[in-house]
Amino acid sequence: MRKLLGVLIGTAIGLAVVAGLAKLNLYLFPWPAFDWQSPQAWGTALAAAPLAAHALVAGSWAIATLVGGLIAVRAAGWSTAGWMVAVLMAFAGVVGALFVPQPLWMQIVAVVTPFAAGLVVAGAA
């Protein structure tokens, strides 16, 4: 039970970090007014955003996996918990890429960086 709880806590914290960095992104790079419920409007607004805004969103997946993975390993007392968080974060990146139109490189980064962060977490564990 401790292992499962550690993975769930790490994943939840990782997703919260992604959301927090996305919120920070909105403060650093204000977006134009658009319909937040329309995926096409999201795609249009994202296409107009500067490259630094894209990089912050893309990098948030790695940072979130590092934070969530390390917390999961610590909470679960199990080194594989970091990999479990990495897989779940990559899955969340796939789901996000399916629902929000974004450049191909951002879709790739959202899936690849959690696994790269998983390597770092595995080395730290």
N, C-alpha and C. Protein backbone atom coordinates (compact mmCIF):
# COMPACT_ATOMS: atom_id res chain seq x y z
N MET A 1 0.81 -1.19 0.00
CA MET A 1 0.00 0.00 0.00
C MET A 1 0.87 1.27 0.00
N ARG A 2 2.00 1.19 0.73
CA ARG A 2 2.90 2.34 0.79
C ARG A 2 3.46 2.66 -0.59
N LYS A 3 3.77 1.65 -1.38
CA LYS A 3 4.32 1.86 -2.72
C LYS A 3 3.31 2.56 -3.61
N LEU A 4 2.08 2.08 -3.60
CA LEU A 4 1.03 2.69 -4.42
C LEU A 4 0.78 4.13 -4.00
N LEU A 5 0.72 4.36 -2.72
CA LEU A 5 0.48 5.71 -2.21
C LEU A 5 1.63 6.64 -2.59
N GLY A 6 2.86 6.15 -2.52
CA GLY A 6 4.00 6.96 -2.92
C GLY A 6 3.95 7.35 -4.39
N VAL A 7 3.57 6.41 -5.24
CA VAL A 7 3.46 6.70 -6.68
C VAL A 7 2.34 7.71 -6.93
N LEU A 8 1.22 7.54 -6.27
CA LEU A 8 0.09 8.47 -6.45
C LEU A 8 0.44 9.87 -5.96
N ILE A 9 1.10 9.94 -4.81
CA ILE A 9 1.50 11.25 -4.29
C ILE A 9 2.50 11.92 -5.23
N GLY A 10 3.50 11.17 -5.68
CA GLY A 10 4.49 11.73 -6.61
C GLY A 10 3.88 12.20 -7.91
N THR A 11 2.95 11.42 -8.45
CA THR A 11 2.30 11.81 -9.69
C THR A 11 1.44 13.05 -9.49
N ALA A 12 0.69 13.09 -8.40
CA ALA A 12 -0.16 14.26 -8.13
C ALA A 12 0.69 15.51 -7.97
N ILE A 13 1.81 15.39 -7.26
CA ILE A 13 2.69 16.55 -7.10
C ILE A 13 3.31 16.94 -8.44
N GLY A 14 3.69 15.95 -9.25
CA GLY A 14 4.23 16.25 -10.58
C GLY A 14 3.22 17.00 -11.44
N LEU A 15 1.98 16.57 -11.43
CA LEU A 15 0.95 17.25 -12.21
C LEU A 15 0.69 18.66 -11.66
N ALA A 16 0.79 18.82 -10.35
CA ALA A 16 0.63 20.14 -9.75
C ALA A 16 1.77 21.07 -10.17
N VAL A 17 2.97 20.52 -10.28
CA VAL A 17 4.12 21.32 -10.73
C VAL A 17 3.91 21.77 -12.18
N VAL A 18 3.43 20.87 -13.03
CA VAL A 18 3.14 21.26 -14.43
C VAL A 18 2.11 22.38 -14.45
N ALA A 19 1.05 22.22 -13.66
CA ALA A 19 0.00 23.25 -13.63
C ALA A 19 0.54 24.57 -13.08
N GLY A 20 1.37 24.50 -12.05
CA GLY A 20 1.95 25.71 -11.48
C GLY A 20 2.87 26.44 -12.45
N LEU A 21 3.68 25.68 -13.17
CA LEU A 21 4.56 26.32 -14.17
C LEU A 21 3.76 26.86 -15.35
N ALA A 22 2.66 26.21 -15.69
CA ALA A 22 1.78 26.74 -16.74
C ALA A 22 1.17 28.06 -16.28
N LYS A 23 0.79 28.13 -15.02
CA LYS A 23 0.24 29.37 -14.46
C LYS A 23 1.31 30.47 -14.46
N LEU A 24 2.53 30.12 -14.08
CA LEU A 24 3.64 31.07 -14.13
C LEU A 24 3.84 31.57 -15.56
N ASN A 25 3.71 30.67 -16.51
CA ASN A 25 3.83 31.02 -17.91
C ASN A 25 2.82 32.09 -18.30
N LEU A 26 1.60 31.98 -17.77
CA LEU A 26 0.57 32.97 -18.09
C LEU A 26 0.92 34.35 -17.53
N TYR A 27 1.62 34.39 -16.39
CA TYR A 27 2.03 35.66 -15.83
C TYR A 27 3.22 36.26 -16.57
N LEU A 28 4.16 35.42 -16.96
CA LEU A 28 5.35 35.92 -17.66
C LEU A 28 5.05 36.32 -19.10
N PHE A 29 4.18 35.57 -19.74
CA PHE A 29 3.84 35.82 -21.14
C PHE A 29 2.32 35.88 -21.26
N PRO A 30 1.74 37.06 -21.02
CA PRO A 30 0.28 37.17 -21.06
C PRO A 30 -0.28 36.75 -22.42
N TRP A 31 -1.36 35.99 -22.36
CA TRP A 31 -1.98 35.50 -23.59
C TRP A 31 -3.13 36.41 -23.98
N PRO A 32 -3.43 36.48 -25.27
CA PRO A 32 -4.59 37.26 -25.70
C PRO A 32 -5.88 36.58 -25.22
N ALA A 33 -6.95 37.34 -25.17
CA ALA A 33 -8.24 36.77 -24.78
C ALA A 33 -8.71 35.79 -25.85
N PHE A 34 -9.16 34.62 -25.41
CA PHE A 34 -9.69 33.63 -26.33
C PHE A 34 -10.62 32.70 -25.57
N ASP A 35 -11.33 31.86 -26.29
CA ASP A 35 -12.26 30.91 -25.68
C ASP A 35 -11.47 29.75 -25.10
N TRP A 36 -11.37 29.69 -23.78
CA TRP A 36 -10.56 28.68 -23.09
C TRP A 36 -11.13 27.28 -23.25
N GLN A 37 -12.36 27.15 -23.67
CA GLN A 37 -12.98 25.84 -23.82
C GLN A 37 -12.82 25.27 -25.22
N SER A 38 -12.26 26.03 -26.13
CA SER A 38 -12.08 25.58 -27.51
C SER A 38 -10.64 25.11 -27.73
N PRO A 39 -10.44 23.84 -28.05
CA PRO A 39 -9.07 23.37 -28.32
C PRO A 39 -8.42 24.09 -29.50
N GLN A 40 -9.20 24.46 -30.50
CA GLN A 40 -8.64 25.18 -31.64
C GLN A 40 -8.15 26.57 -31.23
N ALA A 41 -8.88 27.21 -30.33
CA ALA A 41 -8.45 28.53 -29.84
C ALA A 41 -7.17 28.39 -29.03
N TRP A 42 -7.03 27.32 -28.27
CA TRP A 42 -5.79 27.04 -27.54
C TRP A 42 -4.64 26.92 -28.53
N GLY A 43 -4.86 26.17 -29.60
CA GLY A 43 -3.82 25.98 -30.60
C GLY A 43 -3.40 27.29 -31.24
N THR A 44 -4.35 28.14 -31.55
CA THR A 44 -4.06 29.44 -32.15
C THR A 44 -3.27 30.32 -31.19
N ALA A 45 -3.71 30.35 -29.93
CA ALA A 45 -3.01 31.16 -28.93
C ALA A 45 -1.61 30.62 -28.68
N LEU A 46 -1.47 29.30 -28.63
CA LEU A 46 -0.16 28.69 -28.41
C LEU A 46 0.78 28.97 -29.58
N ALA A 47 0.26 28.97 -30.78
CA ALA A 47 1.09 29.26 -31.96
C ALA A 47 1.62 30.69 -31.93
N ALA A 48 0.85 31.60 -31.33
CA ALA A 48 1.26 33.01 -31.28
C ALA A 48 2.20 33.29 -30.12
N ALA A 49 2.35 32.35 -29.20
CA ALA A 49 3.20 32.56 -28.01
C ALA A 49 4.68 32.55 -28.41
N PRO A 50 5.51 33.29 -27.67
CA PRO A 50 6.95 33.30 -27.98
C PRO A 50 7.60 31.95 -27.65
N LEU A 51 8.77 31.73 -28.22
CA LEU A 51 9.48 30.47 -28.02
C LEU A 51 9.81 30.22 -26.55
N ALA A 52 10.09 31.27 -25.80
CA ALA A 52 10.39 31.10 -24.37
C ALA A 52 9.19 30.55 -23.62
N ALA A 53 8.01 30.94 -24.00
CA ALA A 53 6.79 30.40 -23.37
C ALA A 53 6.64 28.92 -23.70
N HIS A 54 6.94 28.56 -24.93
CA HIS A 54 6.89 27.14 -25.34
C HIS A 54 7.92 26.33 -24.54
N ALA A 55 9.11 26.89 -24.40
CA ALA A 55 10.18 26.18 -23.70
C ALA A 55 9.84 25.97 -22.22
N LEU A 56 9.18 26.95 -21.61
CA LEU A 56 8.79 26.80 -20.21
C LEU A 56 7.77 25.68 -20.05
N VAL A 57 6.82 25.61 -20.95
CA VAL A 57 5.82 24.53 -20.90
C VAL A 57 6.50 23.18 -21.14
N ALA A 58 7.37 23.12 -22.13
CA ALA A 58 8.05 21.86 -22.44
C ALA A 58 8.96 21.43 -21.30
N GLY A 59 9.69 22.36 -20.73
CA GLY A 59 10.58 22.03 -19.63
C GLY A 59 9.86 21.66 -18.35
N SER A 60 8.63 22.11 -18.23
CA SER A 60 7.87 21.80 -17.02
C SER A 60 7.65 20.30 -16.85
N TRP A 61 7.59 19.57 -17.96
CA TRP A 61 7.40 18.12 -17.86
C TRP A 61 8.60 17.44 -17.21
N ALA A 62 9.80 17.89 -17.54
CA ALA A 62 11.00 17.32 -16.93
C ALA A 62 11.10 17.71 -15.46
N ILE A 63 10.88 18.98 -15.16
CA ILE A 63 10.96 19.45 -13.78
C ILE A 63 9.92 18.73 -12.92
N ALA A 64 8.71 18.61 -13.44
CA ALA A 64 7.63 17.96 -12.69
C ALA A 64 7.94 16.49 -12.43
N THR A 65 8.52 15.82 -13.41
CA THR A 65 8.86 14.41 -13.22
C THR A 65 9.99 14.25 -12.21
N LEU A 66 10.95 15.14 -12.25
CA LEU A 66 12.03 15.10 -11.26
C LEU A 66 11.49 15.27 -9.85
N VAL A 67 10.68 16.29 -9.66
CA VAL A 67 10.13 16.57 -8.33
C VAL A 67 9.21 15.43 -7.89
N GLY A 68 8.26 15.08 -8.73
CA GLY A 68 7.31 14.01 -8.38
C GLY A 68 7.99 12.67 -8.20
N GLY A 69 8.95 12.36 -9.04
CA GLY A 69 9.66 11.09 -8.94
C GLY A 69 10.47 10.97 -7.67
N LEU A 70 11.18 12.03 -7.32
CA LEU A 70 11.98 12.00 -6.10
C LEU A 70 11.09 11.89 -4.86
N ILE A 71 9.98 12.59 -4.87
CA ILE A 71 9.05 12.50 -3.74
C ILE A 71 8.44 11.10 -3.67
N ALA A 72 8.11 10.54 -4.83
CA ALA A 72 7.54 9.19 -4.84
C ALA A 72 8.53 8.16 -4.30
N VAL A 73 9.79 8.26 -4.70
CA VAL A 73 10.82 7.33 -4.21
C VAL A 73 10.95 7.47 -2.70
N ARG A 74 10.96 8.67 -2.24
CA ARG A 74 11.11 8.91 -0.80
C ARG A 74 9.88 8.41 -0.03
N ALA A 75 8.69 8.71 -0.53
CA ALA A 75 7.46 8.33 0.17
C ALA A 75 7.23 6.82 0.13
N ALA A 76 7.56 6.20 -1.01
CA ALA A 76 7.29 4.77 -1.17
C ALA A 76 8.41 3.90 -0.60
N GLY A 77 9.60 4.47 -0.50
CA GLY A 77 10.73 3.66 -0.07
C GLY A 77 11.07 2.61 -1.11
N TRP A 78 10.88 2.95 -2.37
CA TRP A 78 10.98 2.00 -3.48
C TRP A 78 11.52 2.74 -4.68
N SER A 79 12.67 2.34 -5.19
CA SER A 79 13.31 3.09 -6.28
C SER A 79 12.51 3.04 -7.58
N THR A 80 11.71 2.01 -7.79
CA THR A 80 10.92 1.90 -9.01
C THR A 80 9.77 2.91 -9.05
N ALA A 81 9.44 3.49 -7.92
CA ALA A 81 8.36 4.48 -7.88
C ALA A 81 8.67 5.66 -8.79
N GLY A 82 9.94 6.03 -8.90
CA GLY A 82 10.32 7.13 -9.80
C GLY A 82 10.00 6.81 -11.25
N TRP A 83 10.24 5.56 -11.65
CA TRP A 83 9.91 5.15 -13.02
C TRP A 83 8.40 5.13 -13.24
N MET A 84 7.67 4.71 -12.22
CA MET A 84 6.21 4.69 -12.34
C MET A 84 5.68 6.11 -12.56
N VAL A 85 6.22 7.05 -11.82
CA VAL A 85 5.82 8.45 -11.99
C VAL A 85 6.21 8.94 -13.38
N ALA A 86 7.39 8.56 -13.86
CA ALA A 86 7.82 8.97 -15.20
C ALA A 86 6.86 8.46 -16.27
N VAL A 87 6.44 7.20 -16.14
CA VAL A 87 5.49 6.63 -17.11
C VAL A 87 4.16 7.37 -17.05
N LEU A 88 3.67 7.63 -15.85
CA LEU A 88 2.39 8.33 -15.71
C LEU A 88 2.47 9.77 -16.22
N MET A 89 3.59 10.42 -15.99
CA MET A 89 3.76 11.79 -16.50
C MET A 89 3.85 11.80 -18.03
N ALA A 90 4.53 10.81 -18.61
CA ALA A 90 4.59 10.71 -20.07
C ALA A 90 3.18 10.47 -20.63
N PHE A 91 2.41 9.63 -19.95
CA PHE A 91 1.03 9.39 -20.38
C PHE A 91 0.22 10.68 -20.31
N ALA A 92 0.41 11.46 -19.26
CA ALA A 92 -0.28 12.76 -19.15
C ALA A 92 0.14 13.69 -20.29
N GLY A 93 1.42 13.63 -20.67
CA GLY A 93 1.88 14.43 -21.82
C GLY A 93 1.22 14.02 -23.11
N VAL A 94 1.02 12.72 -23.30
CA VAL A 94 0.32 12.23 -24.50
C VAL A 94 -1.11 12.71 -24.50
N VAL A 95 -1.78 12.60 -23.37
CA VAL A 95 -3.17 13.04 -23.27
C VAL A 95 -3.27 14.54 -23.55
N GLY A 96 -2.36 15.32 -22.97
CA GLY A 96 -2.36 16.76 -23.24
C GLY A 96 -2.13 17.07 -24.70
N ALA A 97 -1.24 16.34 -25.35
CA ALA A 97 -0.96 16.57 -26.78
C ALA A 97 -2.16 16.20 -27.64
N LEU A 98 -2.94 15.24 -27.20
CA LEU A 98 -4.14 14.85 -27.96
C LEU A 98 -5.24 15.89 -27.87
N PHE A 99 -5.34 16.58 -26.74
CA PHE A 99 -6.45 17.50 -26.53
C PHE A 99 -6.12 18.95 -26.84
N VAL A 100 -4.85 19.33 -26.77
CA VAL A 100 -4.46 20.71 -27.04
C VAL A 100 -3.52 20.72 -28.24
N PRO A 101 -3.94 21.32 -29.35
CA PRO A 101 -3.06 21.38 -30.52
C PRO A 101 -1.79 22.16 -30.17
N GLN A 102 -0.65 21.56 -30.44
CA GLN A 102 0.63 22.19 -30.16
C GLN A 102 1.66 21.72 -31.17
N PRO A 103 2.77 22.44 -31.27
CA PRO A 103 3.80 22.04 -32.23
C PRO A 103 4.31 20.61 -31.94
N LEU A 104 4.75 19.94 -32.99
CA LEU A 104 5.21 18.56 -32.87
C LEU A 104 6.36 18.44 -31.87
N TRP A 105 7.29 19.39 -31.87
CA TRP A 105 8.43 19.28 -30.96
C TRP A 105 7.98 19.32 -29.51
N MET A 106 6.91 20.08 -29.19
CA MET A 106 6.41 20.12 -27.82
C MET A 106 5.74 18.80 -27.44
N GLN A 107 5.09 18.17 -28.40
CA GLN A 107 4.48 16.87 -28.15
C GLN A 107 5.55 15.83 -27.84
N ILE A 108 6.62 15.87 -28.60
CA ILE A 108 7.72 14.93 -28.40
C ILE A 108 8.38 15.17 -27.04
N VAL A 109 8.63 16.43 -26.72
CA VAL A 109 9.28 16.77 -25.44
C VAL A 109 8.41 16.34 -24.26
N ALA A 110 7.09 16.50 -24.38
CA ALA A 110 6.19 16.13 -23.28
C ALA A 110 6.22 14.63 -23.00
N VAL A 111 6.63 13.83 -23.97
CA VAL A 111 6.70 12.38 -23.78
C VAL A 111 8.12 11.93 -23.44
N VAL A 112 9.12 12.54 -24.06
CA VAL A 112 10.51 12.10 -23.89
C VAL A 112 11.12 12.60 -22.57
N THR A 113 10.87 13.85 -22.20
CA THR A 113 11.53 14.39 -21.01
C THR A 113 11.15 13.67 -19.71
N PRO A 114 9.92 13.19 -19.54
CA PRO A 114 9.67 12.42 -18.31
C PRO A 114 10.55 11.18 -18.20
N PHE A 115 10.84 10.53 -19.33
CA PHE A 115 11.71 9.35 -19.27
C PHE A 115 13.16 9.75 -18.98
N ALA A 116 13.59 10.88 -19.54
CA ALA A 116 14.94 11.37 -19.23
C ALA A 116 15.04 11.75 -17.75
N ALA A 117 14.01 12.38 -17.23
CA ALA A 117 13.99 12.70 -15.80
C ALA A 117 13.92 11.44 -14.95
N GLY A 118 13.25 10.41 -15.48
CA GLY A 118 13.19 9.12 -14.78
C GLY A 118 14.58 8.51 -14.62
N LEU A 119 15.44 8.70 -15.63
CA LEU A 119 16.83 8.23 -15.52
C LEU A 119 17.56 8.95 -14.39
N VAL A 120 17.34 10.25 -14.30
CA VAL A 120 17.99 11.02 -13.25
C VAL A 120 17.48 10.58 -11.87
N VAL A 121 16.17 10.40 -11.77
CA VAL A 121 15.58 9.96 -10.49
C VAL A 121 16.12 8.57 -10.11
N ALA A 122 16.21 7.68 -11.10
CA ALA A 122 16.72 6.33 -10.83
C ALA A 122 18.17 6.40 -10.36
N GLY A 123 18.95 7.30 -10.92
CA GLY A 123 20.34 7.45 -10.50
C GLY A 123 20.45 8.05 -9.10
N ALA A 124 19.52 8.94 -8.76
CA ALA A 124 19.53 9.57 -7.44
C ALA A 124 19.00 8.62 -6.36
N ALA A 125 18.14 7.68 -6.78
CA ALA A 125 17.57 6.74 -5.80
C ALA A 125 18.61 5.72 -5.47
